N, C-alpha and C. Protein backbone atom coordinates (compact mmCIF):
# COMPACT_ATOMS: atom_id res chain seq x y z
N MET A 1 24.14 -1.28 17.72
CA MET A 1 24.67 -1.49 19.07
C MET A 1 24.96 -0.16 19.75
N ARG A 2 25.48 0.82 18.96
CA ARG A 2 25.77 2.13 19.52
C ARG A 2 24.50 2.81 20.00
N ASP A 3 23.41 2.64 19.25
CA ASP A 3 22.14 3.27 19.62
C ASP A 3 21.52 2.59 20.82
N GLU A 4 21.84 1.33 21.06
CA GLU A 4 21.22 0.56 22.13
C GLU A 4 21.69 1.03 23.50
N VAL A 5 22.97 1.38 23.63
CA VAL A 5 23.51 1.77 24.93
C VAL A 5 22.84 3.02 25.48
N PRO A 6 22.72 4.12 24.70
CA PRO A 6 22.03 5.30 25.25
C PRO A 6 20.59 5.01 25.66
N ARG A 7 19.90 4.18 24.87
CA ARG A 7 18.52 3.84 25.22
C ARG A 7 18.47 3.07 26.53
N THR A 8 19.42 2.15 26.72
CA THR A 8 19.46 1.38 27.96
C THR A 8 19.77 2.27 29.16
N VAL A 9 20.73 3.17 29.00
CA VAL A 9 21.08 4.11 30.07
C VAL A 9 19.86 4.94 30.44
N THR A 10 19.15 5.46 29.45
CA THR A 10 17.95 6.27 29.70
C THR A 10 16.89 5.46 30.42
N ALA A 11 16.72 4.21 30.01
CA ALA A 11 15.71 3.35 30.63
C ALA A 11 16.05 3.07 32.10
N ILE A 12 17.32 2.81 32.38
CA ILE A 12 17.74 2.55 33.77
C ILE A 12 17.52 3.79 34.62
N CYS A 13 17.94 4.95 34.11
CA CYS A 13 17.77 6.21 34.85
C CYS A 13 16.29 6.47 35.13
N SER A 14 15.46 6.30 34.13
CA SER A 14 14.02 6.56 34.29
C SER A 14 13.41 5.62 35.32
N SER A 15 13.80 4.35 35.27
CA SER A 15 13.25 3.37 36.20
C SER A 15 13.63 3.69 37.64
N LEU A 16 14.90 3.98 37.87
CA LEU A 16 15.35 4.27 39.23
C LEU A 16 14.79 5.60 39.74
N GLN A 17 14.71 6.59 38.86
CA GLN A 17 14.12 7.86 39.25
C GLN A 17 12.66 7.68 39.67
N GLU A 18 11.93 6.86 38.92
CA GLU A 18 10.52 6.61 39.25
C GLU A 18 10.39 5.92 40.61
N GLN A 19 11.27 4.94 40.86
CA GLN A 19 11.23 4.23 42.14
C GLN A 19 11.53 5.18 43.31
N ILE A 20 12.49 6.08 43.10
CA ILE A 20 12.85 7.04 44.15
C ILE A 20 11.72 8.03 44.38
N ARG A 21 11.14 8.57 43.31
CA ARG A 21 10.10 9.60 43.45
C ARG A 21 8.81 9.05 44.06
N HIS A 22 8.57 7.78 43.88
CA HIS A 22 7.38 7.18 44.46
C HIS A 22 7.64 6.59 45.84
N GLY A 23 8.86 6.77 46.35
CA GLY A 23 9.16 6.32 47.70
C GLY A 23 9.44 4.84 47.84
N LEU A 24 9.55 4.12 46.75
CA LEU A 24 9.86 2.70 46.83
C LEU A 24 11.32 2.48 47.20
N LEU A 25 12.16 3.42 46.78
CA LEU A 25 13.55 3.45 47.22
C LEU A 25 13.67 4.65 48.15
N GLN A 26 13.88 4.38 49.43
CA GLN A 26 13.82 5.41 50.47
C GLN A 26 15.13 6.21 50.56
N PRO A 27 15.05 7.50 50.94
CA PRO A 27 16.26 8.29 51.16
C PRO A 27 17.18 7.61 52.18
N GLY A 28 18.45 7.51 51.83
CA GLY A 28 19.42 6.85 52.69
C GLY A 28 19.47 5.35 52.50
N GLY A 29 18.51 4.80 51.77
CA GLY A 29 18.48 3.36 51.54
C GLY A 29 19.51 2.93 50.51
N GLN A 30 19.97 1.71 50.65
CA GLN A 30 21.00 1.18 49.75
C GLN A 30 20.38 0.52 48.55
N LEU A 31 20.96 0.79 47.37
CA LEU A 31 20.53 0.13 46.15
C LEU A 31 21.08 -1.29 46.13
N PRO A 32 20.45 -2.18 45.35
CA PRO A 32 21.04 -3.51 45.16
C PRO A 32 22.44 -3.39 44.57
N SER A 33 23.21 -4.44 44.68
CA SER A 33 24.58 -4.43 44.16
C SER A 33 24.57 -4.19 42.65
N GLU A 34 25.70 -3.74 42.13
CA GLU A 34 25.80 -3.51 40.68
C GLU A 34 25.55 -4.80 39.91
N ARG A 35 26.00 -5.91 40.46
CA ARG A 35 25.77 -7.19 39.77
C ARG A 35 24.29 -7.47 39.64
N LYS A 36 23.55 -7.29 40.74
CA LYS A 36 22.11 -7.55 40.70
C LYS A 36 21.39 -6.57 39.79
N LEU A 37 21.80 -5.31 39.82
CA LEU A 37 21.15 -4.31 38.96
C LEU A 37 21.42 -4.60 37.48
N SER A 38 22.64 -5.00 37.17
CA SER A 38 22.94 -5.30 35.76
C SER A 38 22.16 -6.51 35.29
N GLU A 39 21.93 -7.47 36.18
CA GLU A 39 21.09 -8.62 35.82
C GLU A 39 19.64 -8.19 35.66
N LEU A 40 19.15 -7.34 36.54
CA LEU A 40 17.77 -6.88 36.48
C LEU A 40 17.49 -6.16 35.17
N PHE A 41 18.42 -5.30 34.74
CA PHE A 41 18.20 -4.52 33.52
C PHE A 41 18.81 -5.18 32.29
N ALA A 42 19.32 -6.40 32.47
CA ALA A 42 19.87 -7.17 31.35
C ALA A 42 20.88 -6.36 30.56
N THR A 43 21.87 -5.83 31.26
CA THR A 43 22.88 -5.00 30.62
C THR A 43 24.24 -5.27 31.24
N THR A 44 25.25 -4.61 30.72
CA THR A 44 26.61 -4.79 31.23
C THR A 44 26.86 -3.86 32.42
N ARG A 45 27.88 -4.17 33.20
CA ARG A 45 28.23 -3.31 34.34
C ARG A 45 28.67 -1.92 33.84
N ILE A 46 29.32 -1.89 32.67
CA ILE A 46 29.78 -0.59 32.13
C ILE A 46 28.59 0.31 31.83
N THR A 47 27.57 -0.25 31.18
CA THR A 47 26.38 0.53 30.86
C THR A 47 25.64 0.95 32.12
N LEU A 48 25.54 0.01 33.06
CA LEU A 48 24.88 0.33 34.33
C LEU A 48 25.59 1.47 35.04
N ARG A 49 26.92 1.44 35.09
CA ARG A 49 27.67 2.48 35.80
C ARG A 49 27.50 3.84 35.13
N GLU A 50 27.33 3.84 33.82
CA GLU A 50 27.06 5.11 33.14
C GLU A 50 25.74 5.70 33.61
N ALA A 51 24.73 4.85 33.76
CA ALA A 51 23.44 5.31 34.25
C ALA A 51 23.53 5.79 35.70
N LEU A 52 24.21 5.01 36.53
CA LEU A 52 24.36 5.40 37.93
C LEU A 52 25.13 6.71 38.05
N GLY A 53 26.13 6.89 37.19
CA GLY A 53 26.90 8.13 37.21
C GLY A 53 26.04 9.34 36.85
N GLN A 54 25.10 9.15 35.93
CA GLN A 54 24.21 10.25 35.56
C GLN A 54 23.29 10.60 36.72
N LEU A 55 22.77 9.60 37.42
CA LEU A 55 21.91 9.86 38.58
C LEU A 55 22.71 10.50 39.72
N GLU A 56 23.97 10.11 39.84
CA GLU A 56 24.81 10.73 40.86
C GLU A 56 25.03 12.21 40.54
N SER A 57 25.25 12.53 39.28
CA SER A 57 25.48 13.93 38.90
C SER A 57 24.23 14.77 39.14
N LEU A 58 23.04 14.15 39.10
CA LEU A 58 21.79 14.84 39.39
C LEU A 58 21.54 14.97 40.90
N GLY A 59 22.37 14.31 41.69
CA GLY A 59 22.21 14.36 43.14
C GLY A 59 21.15 13.41 43.68
N MET A 60 20.73 12.44 42.88
CA MET A 60 19.68 11.53 43.32
C MET A 60 20.23 10.32 44.08
N ILE A 61 21.45 9.92 43.77
CA ILE A 61 22.10 8.81 44.47
C ILE A 61 23.54 9.19 44.74
N TYR A 62 24.18 8.46 45.64
CA TYR A 62 25.59 8.69 45.91
C TYR A 62 26.25 7.35 46.20
N ARG A 63 27.58 7.36 46.10
CA ARG A 63 28.35 6.13 46.30
C ARG A 63 29.30 6.30 47.46
N GLU A 64 29.45 5.26 48.26
CA GLU A 64 30.48 5.22 49.30
C GLU A 64 31.41 4.06 49.00
N ASP A 65 32.70 4.33 49.10
CA ASP A 65 33.69 3.28 48.82
C ASP A 65 33.45 2.06 49.68
N ARG A 66 33.48 0.90 49.04
CA ARG A 66 33.36 -0.42 49.67
C ARG A 66 31.99 -0.68 50.28
N ARG A 67 31.04 0.23 50.05
CA ARG A 67 29.70 0.02 50.60
C ARG A 67 28.64 -0.06 49.50
N GLY A 68 28.81 0.70 48.43
CA GLY A 68 27.86 0.65 47.35
C GLY A 68 27.14 1.97 47.12
N TRP A 69 25.96 1.87 46.49
CA TRP A 69 25.19 3.04 46.10
C TRP A 69 23.99 3.22 47.03
N PHE A 70 23.67 4.49 47.31
CA PHE A 70 22.58 4.84 48.22
C PHE A 70 21.72 5.95 47.62
N VAL A 71 20.48 6.01 48.06
CA VAL A 71 19.58 7.09 47.66
C VAL A 71 19.92 8.32 48.49
N SER A 72 20.09 9.44 47.82
CA SER A 72 20.47 10.66 48.53
C SER A 72 19.34 11.17 49.43
N PRO A 73 19.63 11.51 50.69
CA PRO A 73 18.64 12.13 51.57
C PRO A 73 18.33 13.55 51.08
N PRO A 74 17.31 14.18 51.63
CA PRO A 74 17.02 15.57 51.26
C PRO A 74 18.23 16.47 51.55
N ARG A 75 18.41 17.47 50.73
CA ARG A 75 19.50 18.42 50.94
C ARG A 75 19.20 19.33 52.12
N VAL A 76 20.25 19.76 52.79
CA VAL A 76 20.10 20.75 53.85
C VAL A 76 20.15 22.14 53.21
N LEU A 77 19.30 23.05 53.68
CA LEU A 77 19.27 24.41 53.15
C LEU A 77 20.39 25.22 53.80
N TYR A 78 21.10 25.97 52.99
CA TYR A 78 22.26 26.75 53.44
C TYR A 78 22.06 28.18 52.98
N ASN A 79 21.84 29.09 53.94
CA ASN A 79 21.65 30.50 53.61
C ASN A 79 22.83 31.30 54.16
N PRO A 80 23.73 31.77 53.29
CA PRO A 80 24.91 32.50 53.78
C PRO A 80 24.57 33.79 54.52
N LEU A 81 23.37 34.33 54.31
CA LEU A 81 23.01 35.58 54.96
C LEU A 81 22.56 35.40 56.40
N VAL A 82 22.30 34.15 56.80
CA VAL A 82 21.85 33.89 58.16
C VAL A 82 23.05 33.64 59.06
N ARG A 83 23.14 34.38 60.16
CA ARG A 83 24.25 34.20 61.11
C ARG A 83 23.97 32.96 61.95
N SER A 84 24.61 31.87 61.60
CA SER A 84 24.38 30.60 62.30
C SER A 84 25.65 29.78 62.24
N HIS A 85 25.57 28.53 62.65
CA HIS A 85 26.69 27.60 62.51
C HIS A 85 26.13 26.24 62.16
N PHE A 86 27.01 25.31 61.82
CA PHE A 86 26.59 24.02 61.26
C PHE A 86 25.57 23.31 62.15
N HIS A 87 25.87 23.16 63.43
CA HIS A 87 24.99 22.40 64.31
C HIS A 87 23.62 23.06 64.44
N ALA A 88 23.60 24.38 64.54
CA ALA A 88 22.31 25.09 64.65
C ALA A 88 21.54 24.99 63.34
N MET A 89 22.22 25.21 62.22
CA MET A 89 21.56 25.17 60.92
C MET A 89 20.92 23.82 60.66
N VAL A 90 21.67 22.75 60.91
CA VAL A 90 21.15 21.40 60.66
C VAL A 90 20.05 21.04 61.65
N GLY A 91 20.26 21.36 62.92
CA GLY A 91 19.26 21.05 63.94
C GLY A 91 17.94 21.75 63.72
N GLU A 92 17.99 23.00 63.26
CA GLU A 92 16.76 23.75 63.01
C GLU A 92 15.94 23.16 61.88
N GLN A 93 16.56 22.35 61.04
CA GLN A 93 15.85 21.71 59.94
C GLN A 93 15.41 20.28 60.28
N GLY A 94 15.47 19.96 61.59
CA GLY A 94 15.01 18.66 62.05
C GLY A 94 15.94 17.52 61.72
N ARG A 95 17.21 17.84 61.49
CA ARG A 95 18.20 16.81 61.16
C ARG A 95 19.20 16.70 62.30
N LEU A 96 19.99 15.65 62.27
CA LEU A 96 20.93 15.38 63.37
C LEU A 96 22.36 15.68 62.92
N PRO A 97 23.00 16.72 63.49
CA PRO A 97 24.38 17.05 63.12
C PRO A 97 25.39 16.35 64.01
N ALA A 98 26.59 16.15 63.49
CA ALA A 98 27.69 15.60 64.29
C ALA A 98 29.01 16.07 63.67
N THR A 99 30.01 16.26 64.54
CA THR A 99 31.31 16.75 64.09
C THR A 99 32.42 15.88 64.67
N GLU A 100 33.40 15.57 63.85
CA GLU A 100 34.58 14.81 64.27
C GLU A 100 35.83 15.63 63.96
N VAL A 101 36.73 15.75 64.92
CA VAL A 101 37.99 16.46 64.69
C VAL A 101 39.00 15.47 64.10
N LEU A 102 39.53 15.80 62.94
CA LEU A 102 40.52 14.95 62.28
C LEU A 102 41.94 15.30 62.74
N SER A 103 42.19 16.58 62.90
CA SER A 103 43.49 17.04 63.41
C SER A 103 43.35 18.49 63.83
N ALA A 104 44.22 18.93 64.74
CA ALA A 104 44.24 20.31 65.21
C ALA A 104 45.66 20.62 65.67
N ARG A 105 46.28 21.62 65.05
CA ARG A 105 47.69 21.88 65.37
C ARG A 105 48.10 23.27 64.91
N LEU A 106 49.22 23.73 65.48
CA LEU A 106 49.87 24.95 65.02
C LEU A 106 50.90 24.54 63.98
N GLN A 107 50.89 25.21 62.83
CA GLN A 107 51.80 24.82 61.75
C GLN A 107 52.19 26.04 60.93
N PRO A 108 53.24 25.92 60.11
CA PRO A 108 53.60 27.04 59.23
C PRO A 108 52.47 27.31 58.24
N ALA A 109 52.17 28.59 58.02
CA ALA A 109 51.12 28.96 57.09
C ALA A 109 51.65 28.93 55.66
N THR A 110 50.85 28.41 54.75
CA THR A 110 51.23 28.46 53.34
C THR A 110 51.14 29.91 52.86
N ALA A 111 51.72 30.17 51.70
CA ALA A 111 51.66 31.52 51.13
C ALA A 111 50.21 31.94 50.90
N GLU A 112 49.38 30.98 50.47
CA GLU A 112 47.97 31.31 50.22
C GLU A 112 47.26 31.73 51.50
N ILE A 113 47.48 30.99 52.59
CA ILE A 113 46.83 31.32 53.86
C ILE A 113 47.39 32.63 54.42
N CYS A 114 48.69 32.87 54.28
CA CYS A 114 49.26 34.16 54.70
C CYS A 114 48.56 35.30 53.99
N SER A 115 48.33 35.11 52.70
CA SER A 115 47.66 36.17 51.92
C SER A 115 46.22 36.37 52.39
N ARG A 116 45.50 35.28 52.60
CA ARG A 116 44.09 35.40 53.00
C ARG A 116 43.94 36.04 54.37
N LEU A 117 44.78 35.63 55.30
CA LEU A 117 44.66 36.12 56.67
C LEU A 117 45.50 37.38 56.93
N GLU A 118 46.18 37.84 55.86
CA GLU A 118 47.04 39.03 55.96
C GLU A 118 48.11 38.84 57.04
N LEU A 119 48.75 37.68 57.00
CA LEU A 119 49.84 37.36 57.91
C LEU A 119 51.19 37.66 57.23
N ALA A 120 52.19 37.92 58.04
CA ALA A 120 53.53 38.13 57.50
C ALA A 120 54.09 36.81 56.97
N ALA A 121 55.10 36.92 56.13
CA ALA A 121 55.75 35.72 55.61
C ALA A 121 56.30 34.88 56.76
N LEU A 122 56.27 33.55 56.56
CA LEU A 122 56.78 32.59 57.54
C LEU A 122 56.06 32.68 58.89
N SER A 123 54.76 32.98 58.83
CA SER A 123 53.95 33.01 60.05
C SER A 123 53.42 31.61 60.36
N SER A 124 52.97 31.43 61.59
CA SER A 124 52.30 30.19 61.98
C SER A 124 50.79 30.41 61.91
N VAL A 125 50.07 29.32 61.75
CA VAL A 125 48.61 29.37 61.71
C VAL A 125 48.07 28.14 62.44
N ILE A 126 46.91 28.28 63.05
CA ILE A 126 46.24 27.12 63.65
C ILE A 126 45.37 26.48 62.59
N GLN A 127 45.63 25.22 62.30
CA GLN A 127 44.78 24.48 61.35
C GLN A 127 43.95 23.46 62.12
N ILE A 128 42.64 23.49 61.87
CA ILE A 128 41.73 22.50 62.45
C ILE A 128 41.01 21.83 61.28
N ARG A 129 41.13 20.52 61.19
CA ARG A 129 40.45 19.76 60.14
C ARG A 129 39.32 18.96 60.78
N ARG A 130 38.13 19.08 60.19
CA ARG A 130 36.97 18.39 60.77
C ARG A 130 36.13 17.72 59.68
N ALA A 131 35.46 16.65 60.07
CA ALA A 131 34.47 15.99 59.21
C ALA A 131 33.11 16.16 59.87
N ARG A 132 32.08 16.37 59.05
CA ARG A 132 30.76 16.63 59.61
C ARG A 132 29.72 15.72 58.95
N ARG A 133 28.76 15.32 59.78
CA ARG A 133 27.72 14.40 59.35
C ARG A 133 26.34 15.04 59.51
N ILE A 134 25.43 14.58 58.67
CA ILE A 134 24.02 14.89 58.84
C ILE A 134 23.28 13.56 58.86
N ASP A 135 22.59 13.29 59.97
CA ASP A 135 21.87 12.02 60.14
C ASP A 135 22.81 10.83 59.94
N GLY A 136 24.03 10.97 60.39
CA GLY A 136 24.99 9.88 60.31
C GLY A 136 25.79 9.80 59.04
N ARG A 137 25.39 10.55 58.02
CA ARG A 137 26.07 10.49 56.73
C ARG A 137 27.15 11.57 56.65
N LEU A 138 28.36 11.19 56.24
CA LEU A 138 29.44 12.15 56.03
C LEU A 138 29.13 13.03 54.83
N VAL A 139 29.05 14.33 55.05
CA VAL A 139 28.68 15.25 53.97
C VAL A 139 29.65 16.40 53.79
N LEU A 140 30.52 16.66 54.78
CA LEU A 140 31.33 17.87 54.74
C LEU A 140 32.72 17.63 55.32
N TYR A 141 33.72 18.02 54.54
CA TYR A 141 35.11 18.08 55.02
C TYR A 141 35.50 19.54 55.05
N VAL A 142 36.04 20.00 56.19
CA VAL A 142 36.34 21.43 56.32
C VAL A 142 37.71 21.63 56.96
N GLU A 143 38.42 22.62 56.45
CA GLU A 143 39.69 23.05 57.01
C GLU A 143 39.51 24.47 57.54
N HIS A 144 39.80 24.68 58.83
CA HIS A 144 39.74 26.00 59.44
C HIS A 144 41.17 26.49 59.64
N TYR A 145 41.42 27.75 59.31
CA TYR A 145 42.72 28.37 59.53
C TYR A 145 42.52 29.60 60.40
N LEU A 146 43.11 29.58 61.60
CA LEU A 146 42.90 30.63 62.59
C LEU A 146 44.19 31.42 62.81
N ASN A 147 44.06 32.73 62.94
CA ASN A 147 45.19 33.57 63.33
C ASN A 147 45.49 33.32 64.80
N PRO A 148 46.64 32.75 65.14
CA PRO A 148 46.93 32.38 66.54
C PRO A 148 46.92 33.56 67.50
N ALA A 149 47.16 34.76 66.99
CA ALA A 149 47.21 35.93 67.87
C ALA A 149 45.87 36.18 68.56
N HIS A 150 44.79 35.76 67.92
CA HIS A 150 43.46 36.02 68.47
C HIS A 150 42.92 34.88 69.32
N PHE A 151 43.55 33.70 69.25
CA PHE A 151 42.97 32.53 69.92
C PHE A 151 44.01 31.74 70.71
N PRO A 152 44.70 32.37 71.67
CA PRO A 152 45.70 31.63 72.47
C PRO A 152 45.04 30.50 73.26
N GLY A 153 45.67 29.34 73.20
CA GLY A 153 45.20 28.20 73.98
C GLY A 153 43.96 27.52 73.45
N ILE A 154 43.52 27.83 72.23
CA ILE A 154 42.25 27.27 71.74
C ILE A 154 42.32 25.76 71.54
N LEU A 155 43.51 25.21 71.32
CA LEU A 155 43.63 23.78 71.05
C LEU A 155 43.30 22.92 72.27
N LYS A 156 43.19 23.53 73.44
CA LYS A 156 42.86 22.75 74.64
C LYS A 156 41.36 22.54 74.79
N TYR A 157 40.56 23.24 73.99
CA TYR A 157 39.10 23.15 74.12
C TYR A 157 38.53 22.01 73.27
N ASP A 158 37.26 21.70 73.52
CA ASP A 158 36.55 20.69 72.74
C ASP A 158 36.24 21.29 71.36
N LEU A 159 36.93 20.83 70.35
CA LEU A 159 36.79 21.40 69.01
C LEU A 159 35.74 20.69 68.17
N THR A 160 34.98 19.78 68.78
CA THR A 160 33.83 19.21 68.07
C THR A 160 32.63 20.15 68.17
N CYS A 161 32.70 21.11 69.06
CA CYS A 161 31.58 22.03 69.23
C CYS A 161 31.68 23.16 68.20
N SER A 162 30.76 24.10 68.26
CA SER A 162 30.75 25.24 67.35
C SER A 162 31.92 26.18 67.65
N LEU A 163 32.74 26.46 66.65
CA LEU A 163 33.80 27.44 66.85
C LEU A 163 33.20 28.83 67.06
N THR A 164 32.08 29.10 66.41
CA THR A 164 31.40 30.39 66.58
C THR A 164 31.08 30.64 68.05
N GLU A 165 30.52 29.62 68.72
CA GLU A 165 30.18 29.76 70.13
C GLU A 165 31.42 29.79 71.01
N LEU A 166 32.44 29.03 70.65
CA LEU A 166 33.69 29.01 71.41
C LEU A 166 34.37 30.38 71.34
N TYR A 167 34.41 30.97 70.16
CA TYR A 167 34.99 32.30 70.01
C TYR A 167 34.31 33.30 70.96
N ALA A 168 32.97 33.23 70.99
CA ALA A 168 32.21 34.19 71.80
C ALA A 168 32.39 33.96 73.29
N SER A 169 32.32 32.70 73.71
CA SER A 169 32.34 32.40 75.15
C SER A 169 33.71 32.55 75.77
N GLU A 170 34.77 32.20 75.03
CA GLU A 170 36.11 32.18 75.61
C GLU A 170 36.98 33.37 75.21
N TYR A 171 36.65 34.02 74.10
CA TYR A 171 37.52 35.10 73.61
C TYR A 171 36.78 36.42 73.39
N GLY A 172 35.46 36.42 73.58
CA GLY A 172 34.70 37.64 73.36
C GLY A 172 34.72 38.11 71.93
N ILE A 173 34.92 37.17 71.01
CA ILE A 173 35.00 37.49 69.58
C ILE A 173 33.72 37.06 68.89
N HIS A 174 33.14 37.98 68.13
CA HIS A 174 31.92 37.71 67.36
C HIS A 174 32.19 38.03 65.89
N TYR A 175 31.55 37.25 65.03
CA TYR A 175 31.74 37.49 63.60
C TYR A 175 31.15 38.83 63.19
N GLY A 176 31.90 39.54 62.34
CA GLY A 176 31.41 40.76 61.71
C GLY A 176 31.14 40.48 60.25
N ARG A 177 31.88 41.15 59.37
CA ARG A 177 31.71 40.89 57.94
C ARG A 177 32.28 39.53 57.57
N VAL A 178 31.60 38.88 56.64
CA VAL A 178 32.04 37.57 56.16
C VAL A 178 32.01 37.59 54.63
N ARG A 179 33.07 37.11 54.03
CA ARG A 179 33.10 36.97 52.57
C ARG A 179 32.96 35.50 52.20
N PHE A 180 32.04 35.20 51.29
CA PHE A 180 31.82 33.84 50.81
C PHE A 180 32.27 33.73 49.36
N ASP A 181 32.98 32.65 49.04
CA ASP A 181 33.28 32.28 47.66
C ASP A 181 32.81 30.85 47.47
N MET A 182 31.95 30.62 46.47
CA MET A 182 31.40 29.29 46.23
C MET A 182 31.69 28.88 44.79
N VAL A 183 32.29 27.72 44.62
CA VAL A 183 32.58 27.22 43.28
C VAL A 183 32.38 25.70 43.24
N PRO A 184 31.80 25.18 42.17
CA PRO A 184 31.77 23.73 42.00
C PRO A 184 33.21 23.24 41.82
N THR A 185 33.51 22.09 42.36
CA THR A 185 34.87 21.57 42.28
C THR A 185 34.85 20.06 42.32
N ALA A 186 36.02 19.47 42.33
CA ALA A 186 36.18 18.02 42.50
C ALA A 186 36.92 17.78 43.81
N LEU A 187 36.57 16.73 44.51
CA LEU A 187 37.20 16.44 45.80
C LEU A 187 38.65 16.02 45.62
N HIS A 188 39.55 16.66 46.37
CA HIS A 188 40.93 16.22 46.37
C HIS A 188 41.03 14.94 47.23
N PRO A 189 42.12 14.18 47.10
CA PRO A 189 42.19 12.85 47.75
C PRO A 189 41.90 12.87 49.24
N GLU A 190 42.43 13.86 49.98
CA GLU A 190 42.22 13.88 51.42
C GLU A 190 40.75 14.07 51.77
N ALA A 191 40.09 14.99 51.08
CA ALA A 191 38.66 15.22 51.33
C ALA A 191 37.84 14.00 50.91
N ALA A 192 38.19 13.41 49.77
CA ALA A 192 37.46 12.25 49.28
C ALA A 192 37.57 11.07 50.23
N THR A 193 38.77 10.82 50.74
CA THR A 193 38.96 9.72 51.68
C THR A 193 38.13 9.95 52.94
N THR A 194 38.13 11.17 53.43
CA THR A 194 37.34 11.50 54.62
C THR A 194 35.86 11.26 54.39
N LEU A 195 35.37 11.62 53.21
CA LEU A 195 33.95 11.48 52.90
C LEU A 195 33.61 10.11 52.31
N ARG A 196 34.59 9.22 52.26
CA ARG A 196 34.39 7.85 51.80
C ARG A 196 33.87 7.78 50.36
N THR A 197 34.46 8.59 49.52
CA THR A 197 34.09 8.57 48.12
C THR A 197 35.36 8.65 47.29
N ALA A 198 35.21 8.66 45.98
CA ALA A 198 36.37 8.62 45.10
C ALA A 198 36.94 10.01 44.86
N PRO A 199 38.27 10.15 44.82
CA PRO A 199 38.86 11.43 44.43
C PRO A 199 38.30 11.89 43.08
N GLY A 200 38.07 13.17 42.96
CA GLY A 200 37.48 13.70 41.73
C GLY A 200 35.98 13.74 41.74
N SER A 201 35.34 13.22 42.80
CA SER A 201 33.88 13.28 42.88
C SER A 201 33.42 14.73 42.97
N PRO A 202 32.23 15.04 42.41
CA PRO A 202 31.76 16.44 42.42
C PRO A 202 31.50 16.94 43.83
N ALA A 203 31.79 18.21 44.04
CA ALA A 203 31.61 18.83 45.35
C ALA A 203 31.36 20.31 45.16
N LEU A 204 30.91 20.94 46.23
CA LEU A 204 30.79 22.40 46.27
C LEU A 204 31.79 22.90 47.30
N ARG A 205 32.71 23.76 46.86
CA ARG A 205 33.68 24.33 47.78
C ARG A 205 33.21 25.72 48.20
N ILE A 206 33.08 25.91 49.50
CA ILE A 206 32.68 27.21 50.05
C ILE A 206 33.83 27.71 50.91
N THR A 207 34.39 28.84 50.52
CA THR A 207 35.47 29.46 51.29
C THR A 207 34.91 30.69 52.01
N ARG A 208 35.11 30.74 53.33
CA ARG A 208 34.63 31.86 54.13
C ARG A 208 35.82 32.59 54.74
N LEU A 209 35.89 33.87 54.52
CA LEU A 209 36.89 34.72 55.16
C LEU A 209 36.16 35.57 56.19
N ASN A 210 36.52 35.39 57.47
CA ASN A 210 35.74 35.96 58.56
C ASN A 210 36.47 37.11 59.26
N ARG A 211 35.76 38.18 59.45
CA ARG A 211 36.23 39.30 60.26
C ARG A 211 35.44 39.33 61.56
N ASP A 212 36.03 39.94 62.60
CA ASP A 212 35.31 40.04 63.86
C ASP A 212 34.64 41.41 63.98
N GLN A 213 34.09 41.68 65.16
CA GLN A 213 33.36 42.93 65.38
C GLN A 213 34.25 44.16 65.29
N HIS A 214 35.58 43.94 65.31
CA HIS A 214 36.53 45.05 65.21
C HIS A 214 37.14 45.15 63.80
N GLU A 215 36.58 44.39 62.86
CA GLU A 215 37.03 44.39 61.46
C GLU A 215 38.39 43.71 61.27
N ARG A 216 38.84 42.92 62.24
CA ARG A 216 40.07 42.17 62.08
C ARG A 216 39.78 40.85 61.37
N ILE A 217 40.62 40.46 60.43
CA ILE A 217 40.49 39.13 59.82
C ILE A 217 40.96 38.11 60.85
N ILE A 218 40.08 37.20 61.24
CA ILE A 218 40.41 36.28 62.32
C ILE A 218 40.61 34.84 61.85
N ASP A 219 39.87 34.42 60.84
CA ASP A 219 40.04 33.04 60.38
C ASP A 219 39.50 32.87 58.98
N CYS A 220 39.77 31.70 58.42
CA CYS A 220 39.30 31.34 57.08
C CYS A 220 38.88 29.87 57.11
N ASP A 221 37.71 29.58 56.57
CA ASP A 221 37.21 28.21 56.49
C ASP A 221 37.15 27.79 55.03
N VAL A 222 37.60 26.58 54.74
CA VAL A 222 37.48 26.01 53.40
C VAL A 222 36.67 24.73 53.52
N GLU A 223 35.41 24.78 53.03
CA GLU A 223 34.47 23.67 53.17
C GLU A 223 34.33 22.93 51.85
N TYR A 224 34.31 21.61 51.92
CA TYR A 224 34.05 20.76 50.75
C TYR A 224 32.80 19.94 51.05
N TRP A 225 31.69 20.31 50.42
CA TRP A 225 30.41 19.63 50.61
C TRP A 225 30.19 18.59 49.51
N ARG A 226 29.67 17.44 49.88
CA ARG A 226 29.14 16.54 48.84
C ARG A 226 28.05 17.31 48.11
N HIS A 227 28.10 17.29 46.78
CA HIS A 227 27.26 18.20 46.01
C HIS A 227 25.76 17.92 46.18
N ASP A 228 25.41 16.70 46.54
CA ASP A 228 23.99 16.35 46.67
C ASP A 228 23.47 16.62 48.08
N ALA A 229 24.31 17.13 48.98
CA ALA A 229 23.91 17.30 50.38
C ALA A 229 23.47 18.72 50.72
N ILE A 230 23.66 19.66 49.81
CA ILE A 230 23.47 21.07 50.14
C ILE A 230 22.66 21.79 49.06
N HIS A 231 21.81 22.69 49.53
CA HIS A 231 21.03 23.55 48.65
C HIS A 231 21.23 24.99 49.13
N VAL A 232 22.00 25.75 48.37
CA VAL A 232 22.25 27.15 48.74
C VAL A 232 21.02 27.97 48.38
N CYS A 233 20.44 28.60 49.38
CA CYS A 233 19.18 29.33 49.20
C CYS A 233 19.32 30.69 49.88
N VAL A 234 19.26 31.76 49.10
CA VAL A 234 19.46 33.11 49.63
C VAL A 234 18.22 33.96 49.35
N GLU A 235 17.70 34.58 50.39
CA GLU A 235 16.62 35.55 50.22
C GLU A 235 17.16 36.90 50.67
N VAL A 236 17.26 37.83 49.73
CA VAL A 236 17.85 39.14 50.01
C VAL A 236 16.77 40.06 50.60
N PRO A 237 17.01 40.62 51.77
CA PRO A 237 16.01 41.51 52.37
C PRO A 237 15.90 42.80 51.57
N GLU A 238 14.75 43.48 51.72
CA GLU A 238 14.54 44.74 51.01
C GLU A 238 15.47 45.83 51.55
């Protein structure tokens, strides 16, 4: 019986992978319910979920709470060396970007944010929380932390647009040096709820510390990407 479960999991994974690779299960398409799949493969829901979990870890399928399992669309290419922003990056790849503002406010800065932005103790910071979609699918939860000294009145603007373009048009601020930190992580509850998945789901966290053309640290972005939605691709120039 112990040997049977791994063989069944492997068989389910192989079958679904073959269907996806041959286009019978389309990107973004929904898989049959777990009940129907367990009947199809003549196995238990526990064994089926083990197989689905393996395919999820490979980035081939994903789950949304209360909706079920779906075939993962192609990943968007992300090159940290290219000076761009989310909407431009996604649009240039023939995909449809969208941004939703979850909250935007002035609040006390945590010790960690004070350290990153080189703010004095007990400083205020502008926090903007946003959710981002590609082709309608929620793929990114991001927290922006802005030094208020550089962006007076920014909360009155349309924050669904590119902050990069807003900085340039309204404040004459352009990005200079940028530091990227990328680590695999698990989604914390707030990010998971926003992305309609379970807390602890795999993700890629990208933290950007941004300086302007005058070498001032102006903001910090903390991005949580669904791990199957992004492909980091860097080509270093000669």
